[in-house]
Amino acid sequence: MKKIIKELIISVLLSLILMLILSILVSETTLSEKFINPLTIAIVTFSLMLGAFRVSKEKKEKGIIYGSLLGLIYMVILYIISSLINLNFSFTLNSIIMIILGILGGAIGGILGVNF
């Protein structure tokens, strides 16, 4: 469980760094704001894939379970924080897609980690 928590923290930090880069790109270039949601989903999914890959590579078993668990914990934390910040939090199609892709990204990263 220690490794999952460590990789969860690394995934969150990686997401924050990539989100900062995205926000700079949006504000300083002609990158359209319509790309923010898809790029945010891609950043979260990538961060989870990397974290799950690293967990499963070390554990060498049950990659899909460890990866999915990492994705689920990440998404629960993300939506708890979102609901605290946005007091009118509700599930939208984008949030459901993000949750599913987060868990799937973790599962895929976990599968890849076990097989490398």
PDB file of N, CA and C in Angstrom:
ATOM      1  N   MET A   1       0.824  -1.198   0.000  1.00  0.00           N
ATOM      2  CA  MET A   1       0.000   0.000   0.000  1.00  0.00           C
ATOM      3  C   MET A   1       0.869   1.264   0.000  1.00  0.00           C
ATOM      4  N   LYS A   2       2.055   1.177   0.609  1.00  0.00           N
ATOM      5  CA  LYS A   2       2.962   2.328   0.620  1.00  0.00           C
ATOM      6  C   LYS A   2       3.331   2.752  -0.797  1.00  0.00           C
ATOM      7  N   LYS A   3       3.592   1.774  -1.634  1.00  0.00           N
ATOM      8  CA  LYS A   3       3.980   2.069  -3.020  1.00  0.00           C
ATOM      9  C   LYS A   3       2.831   2.737  -3.765  1.00  0.00           C
ATOM     10  N   ILE A   4       1.602   2.299  -3.521  1.00  0.00           N
ATOM     11  CA  ILE A   4       0.443   2.904  -4.181  1.00  0.00           C
ATOM     12  C   ILE A   4       0.307   4.366  -3.751  1.00  0.00           C
ATOM     13  N   ILE A   5       0.467   4.633  -2.463  1.00  0.00           N
ATOM     14  CA  ILE A   5       0.362   6.010  -1.973  1.00  0.00           C
ATOM     15  C   ILE A   5       1.481   6.871  -2.549  1.00  0.00           C
ATOM     16  N   LYS A   6       2.687   6.321  -2.601  1.00  0.00           N
ATOM     17  CA  LYS A   6       3.814   7.061  -3.176  1.00  0.00           C
ATOM     18  C   LYS A   6       3.552   7.402  -4.640  1.00  0.00           C
ATOM     19  N   GLU A   7       3.097   6.428  -5.400  1.00  0.00           N
ATOM     20  CA  GLU A   7       2.831   6.665  -6.826  1.00  0.00           C
ATOM     21  C   GLU A   7       1.607   7.547  -7.031  1.00  0.00           C
ATOM     22  N   LEU A   8       0.663   7.499  -6.103  1.00  0.00           N
ATOM     23  CA  LEU A   8      -0.475   8.406  -6.149  1.00  0.00           C
ATOM     24  C   LEU A   8      -0.002   9.850  -6.013  1.00  0.00           C
ATOM     25  N   ILE A   9       0.888  10.083  -5.085  1.00  0.00           N
ATOM     26  CA  ILE A   9       1.444  11.430  -4.890  1.00  0.00           C
ATOM     27  C   ILE A   9       2.222  11.865  -6.127  1.00  0.00           C
ATOM     28  N   ILE A  10       3.019  10.963  -6.686  1.00  0.00           N
ATOM     29  CA  ILE A  10       3.780  11.287  -7.898  1.00  0.00           C
ATOM     30  C   ILE A  10       2.831  11.585  -9.054  1.00  0.00           C
ATOM     31  N   SER A  11       1.760  10.810  -9.188  1.00  0.00           N
ATOM     32  CA  SER A  11       0.784  11.043 -10.258  1.00  0.00           C
ATOM     33  C   SER A  11       0.112  12.403 -10.104  1.00  0.00           C
ATOM     34  N   VAL A  12      -0.239  12.755  -8.875  1.00  0.00           N
ATOM     35  CA  VAL A  12      -0.862  14.054  -8.626  1.00  0.00           C
ATOM     36  C   VAL A  12       0.117  15.180  -8.958  1.00  0.00           C
ATOM     37  N   LEU A  13       1.354  15.046  -8.517  1.00  0.00           N
ATOM     38  CA  LEU A  13       2.357  16.083  -8.803  1.00  0.00           C
ATOM     39  C   LEU A  13       2.611  16.217 -10.300  1.00  0.00           C
ATOM     40  N   LEU A  14       2.699  15.094 -10.994  1.00  0.00           N
ATOM     41  CA  LEU A  14       2.890  15.135 -12.445  1.00  0.00           C
ATOM     42  C   LEU A  14       1.699  15.818 -13.114  1.00  0.00           C
ATOM     43  N   SER A  15       0.496  15.495 -12.662  1.00  0.00           N
ATOM     44  CA  SER A  15      -0.702  16.140 -13.213  1.00  0.00           C
ATOM     45  C   SER A  15      -0.659  17.649 -12.989  1.00  0.00           C
ATOM     46  N   LEU A  16      -0.276  18.055 -11.786  1.00  0.00           N
ATOM     47  CA  LEU A  16      -0.206  19.491 -11.484  1.00  0.00           C
ATOM     48  C   LEU A  16       0.816  20.199 -12.365  1.00  0.00           C
ATOM     49  N   ILE A  17       1.967  19.593 -12.551  1.00  0.00           N
ATOM     50  CA  ILE A  17       3.006  20.197 -13.401  1.00  0.00           C
ATOM     51  C   ILE A  17       2.513  20.312 -14.845  1.00  0.00           C
ATOM     52  N   LEU A  18       1.907  19.242 -15.352  1.00  0.00           N
ATOM     53  CA  LEU A  18       1.409  19.270 -16.731  1.00  0.00           C
ATOM     54  C   LEU A  18       0.240  20.238 -16.885  1.00  0.00           C
ATOM     55  N   MET A  19      -0.587  20.362 -15.860  1.00  0.00           N
ATOM     56  CA  MET A  19      -1.693  21.339 -15.904  1.00  0.00           C
ATOM     57  C   MET A  19      -1.152  22.771 -15.899  1.00  0.00           C
ATOM     58  N   LEU A  20      -0.087  23.003 -15.154  1.00  0.00           N
ATOM     59  CA  LEU A  20       0.548  24.319 -15.155  1.00  0.00           C
ATOM     60  C   LEU A  20       1.083  24.652 -16.542  1.00  0.00           C
ATOM     61  N   ILE A  21       1.731  23.677 -17.170  1.00  0.00           N
ATOM     62  CA  ILE A  21       2.230  23.874 -18.530  1.00  0.00           C
ATOM     63  C   ILE A  21       1.071  24.147 -19.485  1.00  0.00           C
ATOM     64  N   LEU A  22      -0.009  23.394 -19.341  1.00  0.00           N
ATOM     65  CA  LEU A  22      -1.189  23.604 -20.182  1.00  0.00           C
ATOM     66  C   LEU A  22      -1.756  25.003 -19.992  1.00  0.00           C
ATOM     67  N   SER A  23      -1.848  25.456 -18.750  1.00  0.00           N
ATOM     68  CA  SER A  23      -2.404  26.789 -18.501  1.00  0.00           C
ATOM     69  C   SER A  23      -1.513  27.881 -19.084  1.00  0.00           C
ATOM     70  N   ILE A  24      -0.210  27.677 -19.025  1.00  0.00           N
ATOM     71  CA  ILE A  24       0.708  28.647 -19.637  1.00  0.00           C
ATOM     72  C   ILE A  24       0.527  28.654 -21.153  1.00  0.00           C
ATOM     73  N   LEU A  25       0.414  27.467 -21.741  1.00  0.00           N
ATOM     74  CA  LEU A  25       0.214  27.381 -23.196  1.00  0.00           C
ATOM     75  C   LEU A  25      -1.084  28.058 -23.632  1.00  0.00           C
ATOM     76  N   VAL A  26      -2.139  27.846 -22.866  1.00  0.00           N
ATOM     77  CA  VAL A  26      -3.429  28.449 -23.219  1.00  0.00           C
ATOM     78  C   VAL A  26      -3.358  29.968 -23.108  1.00  0.00           C
ATOM     79  N   SER A  27      -2.689  30.456 -22.076  1.00  0.00           N
ATOM     80  CA  SER A  27      -2.654  31.910 -21.870  1.00  0.00           C
ATOM     81  C   SER A  27      -1.639  32.622 -22.760  1.00  0.00           C
ATOM     82  N   GLU A  28      -0.587  31.949 -23.159  1.00  0.00           N
ATOM     83  CA  GLU A  28       0.485  32.617 -23.899  1.00  0.00           C
ATOM     84  C   GLU A  28       0.520  32.298 -25.389  1.00  0.00           C
ATOM     85  N   THR A  29      -0.312  31.379 -25.839  1.00  0.00           N
ATOM     86  CA  THR A  29      -0.328  31.036 -27.259  1.00  0.00           C
ATOM     87  C   THR A  29      -1.748  31.172 -27.793  1.00  0.00           C
ATOM     88  N   THR A  30      -1.907  30.782 -29.014  1.00  0.00           N
ATOM     89  CA  THR A  30      -3.237  30.839 -29.632  1.00  0.00           C
ATOM     90  C   THR A  30      -3.998  29.521 -29.453  1.00  0.00           C
ATOM     91  N   LEU A  31      -3.524  28.671 -28.556  1.00  0.00           N
ATOM     92  CA  LEU A  31      -4.204  27.409 -28.287  1.00  0.00           C
ATOM     93  C   LEU A  31      -5.619  27.696 -27.786  1.00  0.00           C
ATOM     94  N   SER A  32      -6.585  27.126 -28.450  1.00  0.00           N
ATOM     95  CA  SER A  32      -7.985  27.389 -28.148  1.00  0.00           C
ATOM     96  C   SER A  32      -8.381  26.777 -26.810  1.00  0.00           C
ATOM     97  N   GLU A  33      -9.288  27.446 -26.125  1.00  0.00           N
ATOM     98  CA  GLU A  33      -9.783  26.955 -24.839  1.00  0.00           C
ATOM     99  C   GLU A  33     -10.652  25.718 -24.993  1.00  0.00           C
ATOM    100  N   LYS A  34     -11.108  25.421 -26.204  1.00  0.00           N
ATOM    101  CA  LYS A  34     -11.928  24.228 -26.401  1.00  0.00           C
ATOM    102  C   LYS A  34     -11.116  22.945 -26.219  1.00  0.00           C
ATOM    103  N   PHE A  35      -9.795  23.072 -26.208  1.00  0.00           N
ATOM    104  CA  PHE A  35      -8.934  21.906 -26.013  1.00  0.00           C
ATOM    105  C   PHE A  35      -8.639  21.635 -24.545  1.00  0.00           C
ATOM    106  N   ILE A  36      -9.092  22.486 -23.640  1.00  0.00           N
ATOM    107  CA  ILE A  36      -8.761  22.330 -22.226  1.00  0.00           C
ATOM    108  C   ILE A  36      -9.306  21.015 -21.662  1.00  0.00           C
ATOM    109  N   ASN A  37     -10.588  20.730 -21.867  1.00  0.00           N
ATOM    110  CA  ASN A  37     -11.158  19.484 -21.320  1.00  0.00           C
ATOM    111  C   ASN A  37     -10.487  18.232 -21.873  1.00  0.00           C
ATOM    112  N   PRO A  38     -10.341  18.087 -23.189  1.00  0.00           N
ATOM    113  CA  PRO A  38      -9.672  16.880 -23.688  1.00  0.00           C
ATOM    114  C   PRO A  38      -8.224  16.763 -23.211  1.00  0.00           C
ATOM    115  N   LEU A  39      -7.516  17.891 -23.154  1.00  0.00           N
ATOM    116  CA  LEU A  39      -6.125  17.835 -22.697  1.00  0.00           C
ATOM    117  C   LEU A  39      -6.040  17.536 -21.201  1.00  0.00           C
ATOM    118  N   THR A  40      -6.982  18.026 -20.432  1.00  0.00           N
ATOM    119  CA  THR A  40      -7.016  17.707 -19.003  1.00  0.00           C
ATOM    120  C   THR A  40      -7.246  16.218 -18.788  1.00  0.00           C
ATOM    121  N   ILE A  41      -8.173  15.662 -19.529  1.00  0.00           N
ATOM    122  CA  ILE A  41      -8.425  14.219 -19.435  1.00  0.00           C
ATOM    123  C   ILE A  41      -7.185  13.437 -19.850  1.00  0.00           C
ATOM    124  N   ALA A  42      -6.515  13.867 -20.907  1.00  0.00           N
ATOM    125  CA  ALA A  42      -5.297  13.193 -21.367  1.00  0.00           C
ATOM    126  C   ALA A  42      -4.188  13.281 -20.310  1.00  0.00           C
ATOM    127  N   ILE A  43      -4.050  14.431 -19.674  1.00  0.00           N
ATOM    128  CA  ILE A  43      -3.026  14.607 -18.645  1.00  0.00           C
ATOM    129  C   ILE A  43      -3.288  13.682 -17.460  1.00  0.00           C
ATOM    130  N   VAL A  44      -4.520  13.642 -16.994  1.00  0.00           N
ATOM    131  CA  VAL A  44      -4.865  12.787 -15.858  1.00  0.00           C
ATOM    132  C   VAL A  44      -4.651  11.315 -16.214  1.00  0.00           C
ATOM    133  N   THR A  45      -5.112  10.919 -17.385  1.00  0.00           N
ATOM    134  CA  THR A  45      -4.961   9.525 -17.817  1.00  0.00           C
ATOM    135  C   THR A  45      -3.488   9.151 -17.937  1.00  0.00           C
ATOM    136  N   PHE A  46      -2.682  10.026 -18.537  1.00  0.00           N
ATOM    137  CA  PHE A  46      -1.248   9.764 -18.675  1.00  0.00           C
ATOM    138  C   PHE A  46      -0.580   9.646 -17.310  1.00  0.00           C
ATOM    139  N   SER A  47      -0.900  10.557 -16.411  1.00  0.00           N
ATOM    140  CA  SER A  47      -0.301  10.534 -15.073  1.00  0.00           C
ATOM    141  C   SER A  47      -0.642   9.239 -14.345  1.00  0.00           C
ATOM    142  N   LEU A  48      -1.877   8.805 -14.474  1.00  0.00           N
ATOM    143  CA  LEU A  48      -2.289   7.557 -13.833  1.00  0.00           C
ATOM    144  C   LEU A  48      -1.642   6.341 -14.483  1.00  0.00           C
ATOM    145  N   MET A  49      -1.519   6.364 -15.794  1.00  0.00           N
ATOM    146  CA  MET A  49      -0.852   5.250 -16.476  1.00  0.00           C
ATOM    147  C   MET A  49       0.583   5.113 -15.998  1.00  0.00           C
ATOM    148  N   LEU A  50       1.266   6.233 -15.888  1.00  0.00           N
ATOM    149  CA  LEU A  50       2.657   6.205 -15.441  1.00  0.00           C
ATOM    150  C   LEU A  50       2.759   5.707 -14.001  1.00  0.00           C
ATOM    151  N   GLY A  51       1.908   6.229 -13.114  1.00  0.00           N
ATOM    152  CA  GLY A  51       1.933   5.791 -11.724  1.00  0.00           C
ATOM    153  C   GLY A  51       1.615   4.309 -11.583  1.00  0.00           C
ATOM    154  N   ALA A  52       0.602   3.851 -12.301  1.00  0.00           N
ATOM    155  CA  ALA A  52       0.215   2.439 -12.244  1.00  0.00           C
ATOM    156  C   ALA A  52       1.302   1.548 -12.842  1.00  0.00           C
ATOM    157  N   PHE A  53       1.939   2.024 -13.895  1.00  0.00           N
ATOM    158  CA  PHE A  53       3.048   1.287 -14.502  1.00  0.00           C
ATOM    159  C   PHE A  53       4.136   1.055 -13.469  1.00  0.00           C
ATOM    160  N   ARG A  54       4.484   2.127 -12.744  1.00  0.00           N
ATOM    161  CA  ARG A  54       5.567   2.033 -11.756  1.00  0.00           C
ATOM    162  C   ARG A  54       5.195   1.123 -10.582  1.00  0.00           C
ATOM    163  N   VAL A  55       3.951   1.184 -10.139  1.00  0.00           N
ATOM    164  CA  VAL A  55       3.512   0.301  -9.048  1.00  0.00           C
ATOM    165  C   VAL A  55       3.604  -1.156  -9.492  1.00  0.00           C
ATOM    166  N   SER A  56       3.043  -1.457 -10.640  1.00  0.00           N
ATOM    167  CA  SER A  56       2.966  -2.833 -11.112  1.00  0.00           C
ATOM    168  C   SER A  56       4.324  -3.390 -11.515  1.00  0.00           C
ATOM    169  N   LYS A  57       5.188  -2.526 -11.988  1.00  0.00           N
ATOM    170  CA  LYS A  57       6.526  -2.986 -12.352  1.00  0.00           C
ATOM    171  C   LYS A  57       7.254  -3.492 -11.116  1.00  0.00           C
ATOM    172  N   GLU A  58       7.067  -2.813  -9.999  1.00  0.00           N
ATOM    173  CA  GLU A  58       7.712  -3.242  -8.755  1.00  0.00           C
ATOM    174  C   GLU A  58       7.023  -4.472  -8.165  1.00  0.00           C
ATOM    175  N   LYS A  59       5.693  -4.489  -8.172  1.00  0.00           N
ATOM    176  CA  LYS A  59       4.943  -5.598  -7.564  1.00  0.00           C
ATOM    177  C   LYS A  59       5.031  -6.872  -8.391  1.00  0.00           C
ATOM    178  N   LYS A  60       5.110  -6.735  -9.717  1.00  0.00           N
ATOM    179  CA  LYS A  60       5.235  -7.851 -10.660  1.00  0.00           C
ATOM    180  C   LYS A  60       4.031  -8.803 -10.674  1.00  0.00           C
ATOM    181  N   GLU A  61       2.887  -8.344 -10.165  1.00  0.00           N
ATOM    182  CA  GLU A  61       1.669  -9.152 -10.200  1.00  0.00           C
ATOM    183  C   GLU A  61       0.453  -8.256 -10.017  1.00  0.00           C
ATOM    184  N   LYS A  62      -0.701  -8.754 -10.434  1.00  0.00           N
ATOM    185  CA  LYS A  62      -1.981  -8.068 -10.245  1.00  0.00           C
ATOM    186  C   LYS A  62      -1.961  -6.619 -10.731  1.00  0.00           C
ATOM    187  N   GLY A  63      -1.352  -6.385 -11.869  1.00  0.00           N
ATOM    188  CA  GLY A  63      -1.222  -5.038 -12.401  1.00  0.00           C
ATOM    189  C   GLY A  63      -2.547  -4.349 -12.631  1.00  0.00           C
ATOM    190  N   ILE A  64      -3.517  -5.095 -13.148  1.00  0.00           N
ATOM    191  CA  ILE A  64      -4.816  -4.485 -13.430  1.00  0.00           C
ATOM    192  C   ILE A  64      -5.501  -4.042 -12.130  1.00  0.00           C
ATOM    193  N   ILE A  65      -5.308  -4.805 -11.077  1.00  0.00           N
ATOM    194  CA  ILE A  65      -5.924  -4.461  -9.789  1.00  0.00           C
ATOM    195  C   ILE A  65      -5.225  -3.270  -9.164  1.00  0.00           C
ATOM    196  N   TYR A  66      -3.903  -3.302  -9.109  1.00  0.00           N
ATOM    197  CA  TYR A  66      -3.164  -2.177  -8.532  1.00  0.00           C
ATOM    198  C   TYR A  66      -3.380  -0.898  -9.339  1.00  0.00           C
ATOM    199  N   GLY A  67      -3.369  -1.025 -10.646  1.00  0.00           N
ATOM    200  CA  GLY A  67      -3.575   0.140 -11.508  1.00  0.00           C
ATOM    201  C   GLY A  67      -4.976   0.718 -11.370  1.00  0.00           C
ATOM    202  N   SER A  68      -5.968  -0.152 -11.369  1.00  0.00           N
ATOM    203  CA  SER A  68      -7.354   0.311 -11.207  1.00  0.00           C
ATOM    204  C   SER A  68      -7.563   0.950  -9.841  1.00  0.00           C
ATOM    205  N   LEU A  69      -6.957   0.364  -8.822  1.00  0.00           N
ATOM    206  CA  LEU A  69      -7.056   0.923  -7.476  1.00  0.00           C
ATOM    207  C   LEU A  69      -6.421   2.308  -7.410  1.00  0.00           C
ATOM    208  N   LEU A  70      -5.254   2.446  -8.025  1.00  0.00           N
ATOM    209  CA  LEU A  70      -4.595   3.751  -8.071  1.00  0.00           C
ATOM    210  C   LEU A  70      -5.483   4.759  -8.789  1.00  0.00           C
ATOM    211  N   GLY A  71      -6.054   4.373  -9.923  1.00  0.00           N
ATOM    212  CA  GLY A  71      -6.938   5.260 -10.674  1.00  0.00           C
ATOM    213  C   GLY A  71      -8.179   5.639  -9.887  1.00  0.00           C
ATOM    214  N   LEU A  72      -8.766   4.674  -9.207  1.00  0.00           N
ATOM    215  CA  LEU A  72      -9.971   4.933  -8.422  1.00  0.00           C
ATOM    216  C   LEU A  72      -9.680   5.883  -7.262  1.00  0.00           C
ATOM    217  N   ILE A  73      -8.597   5.644  -6.535  1.00  0.00           N
ATOM    218  CA  ILE A  73      -8.245   6.521  -5.414  1.00  0.00           C
ATOM    219  C   ILE A  73      -7.972   7.934  -5.911  1.00  0.00           C
ATOM    220  N   TYR A  74      -7.231   8.057  -6.997  1.00  0.00           N
ATOM    221  CA  TYR A  74      -6.924   9.359  -7.578  1.00  0.00           C
ATOM    222  C   TYR A  74      -8.206  10.107  -7.928  1.00  0.00           C
ATOM    223  N   MET A  75      -9.127   9.416  -8.590  1.00  0.00           N
ATOM    224  CA  MET A  75     -10.360  10.060  -9.035  1.00  0.00           C
ATOM    225  C   MET A  75     -11.257  10.439  -7.852  1.00  0.00           C
ATOM    226  N   VAL A  76     -11.310   9.603  -6.827  1.00  0.00           N
ATOM    227  CA  VAL A  76     -12.103   9.929  -5.635  1.00  0.00           C
ATOM    228  C   VAL A  76     -11.544  11.181  -4.969  1.00  0.00           C
ATOM    229  N   ILE A  77     -10.228  11.229  -4.813  1.00  0.00           N
ATOM    230  CA  ILE A  77      -9.598  12.416  -4.210  1.00  0.00           C
ATOM    231  C   ILE A  77      -9.856  13.649  -5.063  1.00  0.00           C
ATOM    232  N   LEU A  78      -9.710  13.505  -6.371  1.00  0.00           N
ATOM    233  CA  LEU A  78      -9.941  14.626  -7.277  1.00  0.00           C
ATOM    234  C   LEU A  78     -11.367  15.157  -7.144  1.00  0.00           C
ATOM    235  N   TYR A  79     -12.339  14.272  -7.072  1.00  0.00           N
ATOM    236  CA  TYR A  79     -13.722  14.728  -7.000  1.00  0.00           C
ATOM    237  C   TYR A  79     -14.140  15.204  -5.610  1.00  0.00           C
ATOM    238  N   ILE A  80     -13.475  14.725  -4.579  1.00  0.00           N
ATOM    239  CA  ILE A  80     -13.718  15.287  -3.247  1.00  0.00           C
ATOM    240  C   ILE A  80     -13.205  16.721  -3.201  1.00  0.00           C
ATOM    241  N   ILE A  81     -11.994  16.925  -3.717  1.00  0.00           N
ATOM    242  CA  ILE A  81     -11.438  18.287  -3.750  1.00  0.00           C
ATOM    243  C   ILE A  81     -12.298  19.190  -4.632  1.00  0.00           C
ATOM    244  N   SER A  82     -12.720  18.683  -5.779  1.00  0.00           N
ATOM    245  CA  SER A  82     -13.569  19.477  -6.674  1.00  0.00           C
ATOM    246  C   SER A  82     -14.885  19.857  -6.006  1.00  0.00           C
ATOM    247  N   SER A  83     -15.457  18.937  -5.261  1.00  0.00           N
ATOM    248  CA  SER A  83     -16.727  19.238  -4.609  1.00  0.00           C
ATOM    249  C   SER A  83     -16.547  20.230  -3.468  1.00  0.00           C
ATOM    250  N   LEU A  84     -15.391  20.237  -2.829  1.00  0.00           N
ATOM    251  CA  LEU A  84     -15.121  21.219  -1.774  1.00  0.00           C
ATOM    252  C   LEU A  84     -14.890  22.616  -2.365  1.00  0.00           C
ATOM    253  N   ILE A  85     -14.240  22.655  -3.523  1.00  0.00           N
ATOM    254  CA  ILE A  85     -13.975  23.946  -4.172  1.00  0.00           C
ATOM    255  C   ILE A  85     -15.235  24.483  -4.829  1.00  0.00           C
ATOM    256  N   ASN A  86     -15.922  23.630  -5.588  1.00  0.00           N
ATOM    257  CA  ASN A  86     -17.166  24.018  -6.264  1.00  0.00           C
ATOM    258  C   ASN A  86     -18.329  23.486  -5.443  1.00  0.00           C
ATOM    259  N   LEU A  87     -18.902  24.293  -4.639  1.00  0.00           N
ATOM    260  CA  LEU A  87     -19.947  23.831  -3.725  1.00  0.00           C
ATOM    261  C   LEU A  87     -21.157  23.252  -4.450  1.00  0.00           C
ATOM    262  N   ASN A  88     -21.319  23.560  -5.716  1.00  0.00           N
ATOM    263  CA  ASN A  88     -22.448  23.020  -6.489  1.00  0.00           C
ATOM    264  C   ASN A  88     -21.986  21.864  -7.381  1.00  0.00           C
ATOM    265  N   PHE A  89     -21.154  21.006  -6.857  1.00  0.00           N
ATOM    266  CA  PHE A  89     -20.585  19.887  -7.604  1.00  0.00           C
ATOM    267  C   PHE A  89     -21.677  18.930  -8.073  1.00  0.00           C
ATOM    268  N   SER A  90     -21.572  18.501  -9.312  1.00  0.00           N
ATOM    269  CA  SER A  90     -22.477  17.482  -9.838  1.00  0.00           C
ATOM    270  C   SER A  90     -21.736  16.682 -10.903  1.00  0.00           C
ATOM    271  N   PHE A  91     -22.226  15.490 -11.162  1.00  0.00           N
ATOM    272  CA  PHE A  91     -21.632  14.656 -12.197  1.00  0.00           C
ATOM    273  C   PHE A  91     -22.157  15.080 -13.552  1.00  0.00           C
ATOM    274  N   THR A  92     -21.238  15.305 -14.483  1.00  0.00           N
ATOM    275  CA  THR A  92     -21.589  15.613 -15.858  1.00  0.00           C
ATOM    276  C   THR A  92     -21.029  14.505 -16.743  1.00  0.00           C
ATOM    277  N   LEU A  93     -21.317  14.581 -18.003  1.00  0.00           N
ATOM    278  CA  LEU A  93     -20.776  13.595 -18.929  1.00  0.00           C
ATOM    279  C   LEU A  93     -19.247  13.638 -18.917  1.00  0.00           C
ATOM    280  N   ASN A  94     -18.677  14.852 -18.884  1.00  0.00           N
ATOM    281  CA  ASN A  94     -17.217  14.980 -18.841  1.00  0.00           C
ATOM    282  C   ASN A  94     -16.626  14.343 -17.587  1.00  0.00           C
ATOM    283  N   SER A  95     -17.272  14.536 -16.439  1.00  0.00           N
ATOM    284  CA  SER A  95     -16.725  13.961 -15.208  1.00  0.00           C
ATOM    285  C   SER A  95     -16.827  12.434 -15.222  1.00  0.00           C
ATOM    286  N   ILE A  96     -17.900  11.898 -15.775  1.00  0.00           N
ATOM    287  CA  ILE A  96     -18.036  10.440 -15.866  1.00  0.00           C
ATOM    288  C   ILE A  96     -16.987   9.868 -16.815  1.00  0.00           C
ATOM    289  N   ILE A  97     -16.774  10.532 -17.939  1.00  0.00           N
ATOM    290  CA  ILE A  97     -15.735  10.094 -18.883  1.00  0.00           C
ATOM    291  C   ILE A  97     -14.366  10.148 -18.210  1.00  0.00           C
ATOM    292  N   MET A  98     -14.114  11.207 -17.459  1.00  0.00           N
ATOM    293  CA  MET A  98     -12.820  11.352 -16.795  1.00  0.00           C
ATOM    294  C   MET A  98     -12.610  10.249 -15.750  1.00  0.00           C
ATOM    295  N   ILE A  99     -13.637   9.916 -14.997  1.00  0.00           N
ATOM    296  CA  ILE A  99     -13.528   8.843 -13.998  1.00  0.00           C
ATOM    297  C   ILE A  99     -13.230   7.510 -14.673  1.00  0.00           C
ATOM    298  N   ILE A 100     -13.992   7.206 -15.716  1.00  0.00           N
ATOM    299  CA  ILE A 100     -13.796   5.934 -16.427  1.00  0.00           C
ATOM    300  C   ILE A 100     -12.407   5.866 -17.041  1.00  0.00           C
ATOM    301  N   LEU A 101     -11.991   6.939 -17.711  1.00  0.00           N
ATOM    302  CA  LEU A 101     -10.662   6.938 -18.337  1.00  0.00           C
ATOM    303  C   LEU A 101      -9.547   6.923 -17.298  1.00  0.00           C
ATOM    304  N   GLY A 102      -9.784   7.541 -16.145  1.00  0.00           N
ATOM    305  CA  GLY A 102      -8.786   7.490 -15.077  1.00  0.00           C
ATOM    306  C   GLY A 102      -8.569   6.073 -14.575  1.00  0.00           C
ATOM    307  N   ILE A 103      -9.661   5.373 -14.346  1.00  0.00           N
ATOM    308  CA  ILE A 103      -9.552   3.982 -13.883  1.00  0.00           C
ATOM    309  C   ILE A 103      -8.975   3.087 -14.980  1.00  0.00           C
ATOM    310  N   LEU A 104      -9.437   3.285 -16.221  1.00  0.00           N
ATOM    311  CA  LEU A 104      -8.891   2.500 -17.343  1.00  0.00           C
ATOM    312  C   LEU A 104      -7.415   2.805 -17.586  1.00  0.00           C
ATOM    313  N   GLY A 105      -7.046   4.080 -17.475  1.00  0.00           N
ATOM    314  CA  GLY A 105      -5.636   4.450 -17.624  1.00  0.00           C
ATOM    315  C   GLY A 105      -4.771   3.769 -16.577  1.00  0.00           C
ATOM    316  N   GLY A 106      -5.269   3.737 -15.338  1.00  0.00           N
ATOM    317  CA  GLY A 106      -4.546   3.031 -14.286  1.00  0.00           C
ATOM    318  C   GLY A 106      -4.445   1.544 -14.572  1.00  0.00           C
ATOM    319  N   ALA A 107      -5.544   0.950 -15.036  1.00  0.00           N
ATOM    320  CA  ALA A 107      -5.541  -0.483 -15.340  1.00  0.00           C
ATOM    321  C   ALA A 107      -4.570  -0.811 -16.473  1.00  0.00           C
ATOM    322  N   ILE A 108      -4.573   0.002 -17.519  1.00  0.00           N
ATOM    323  CA  ILE A 108      -3.663  -0.230 -18.650  1.00  0.00           C
ATOM    324  C   ILE A 108      -2.213  -0.052 -18.216  1.00  0.00           C
ATOM    325  N   GLY A 109      -1.951   0.996 -17.446  1.00  0.00           N
ATOM    326  CA  GLY A 109      -0.600   1.185 -16.924  1.00  0.00           C
ATOM    327  C   GLY A 109      -0.160   0.020 -16.065  1.00  0.00           C
ATOM    328  N   GLY A 110      -1.092  -0.498 -15.258  1.00  0.00           N
ATOM    329  CA  GLY A 110      -0.778  -1.665 -14.421  1.00  0.00           C
ATOM    330  C   GLY A 110      -0.467  -2.904 -15.230  1.00  0.00           C
ATOM    331  N   ILE A 111      -1.256  -3.136 -16.273  1.00  0.00           N
ATOM    332  CA  ILE A 111      -1.002  -4.295 -17.150  1.00  0.00           C
ATOM    333  C   ILE A 111       0.359  -4.154 -17.815  1.00  0.00           C
ATOM    334  N   LEU A 112       0.663  -2.965 -18.315  1.00  0.00           N
ATOM    335  CA  LEU A 112       1.957  -2.754 -18.970  1.00  0.00           C
ATOM    336  C   LEU A 112       3.113  -2.915 -17.986  1.00  0.00           C
ATOM    337  N   GLY A 113       2.915  -2.432 -16.758  1.00  0.00           N
ATOM    338  CA  GLY A 113       3.982  -2.534 -15.750  1.00  0.00           C
ATOM    339  C   GLY A 113       4.330  -3.969 -15.405  1.00  0.00           C
ATOM    340  N   VAL A 114       3.338  -4.821 -15.304  1.00  0.00           N
ATOM    341  CA  VAL A 114       3.590  -6.231 -14.980  1.00  0.00           C
ATOM    342  C   VAL A 114       4.333  -6.908 -16.127  1.00  0.00           C
ATOM    343  N   ASN A 115       4.028  -6.509 -17.358  1.00  0.00           N
ATOM    344  CA  ASN A 115       4.598  -7.195 -18.517  1.00  0.00           C
ATOM    345  C   ASN A 115       5.946  -6.647 -18.963  1.00  0.00           C
ATOM    346  N   PHE A 116       6.455  -5.611 -18.317  1.00  0.00           N
ATOM    347  CA  PHE A 116       7.775  -5.102 -18.682  1.00  0.00           C
ATOM    348  C   PHE A 116       8.812  -5.539 -17.687  1.00  0.00           C
TER     349      PHE A 116
END
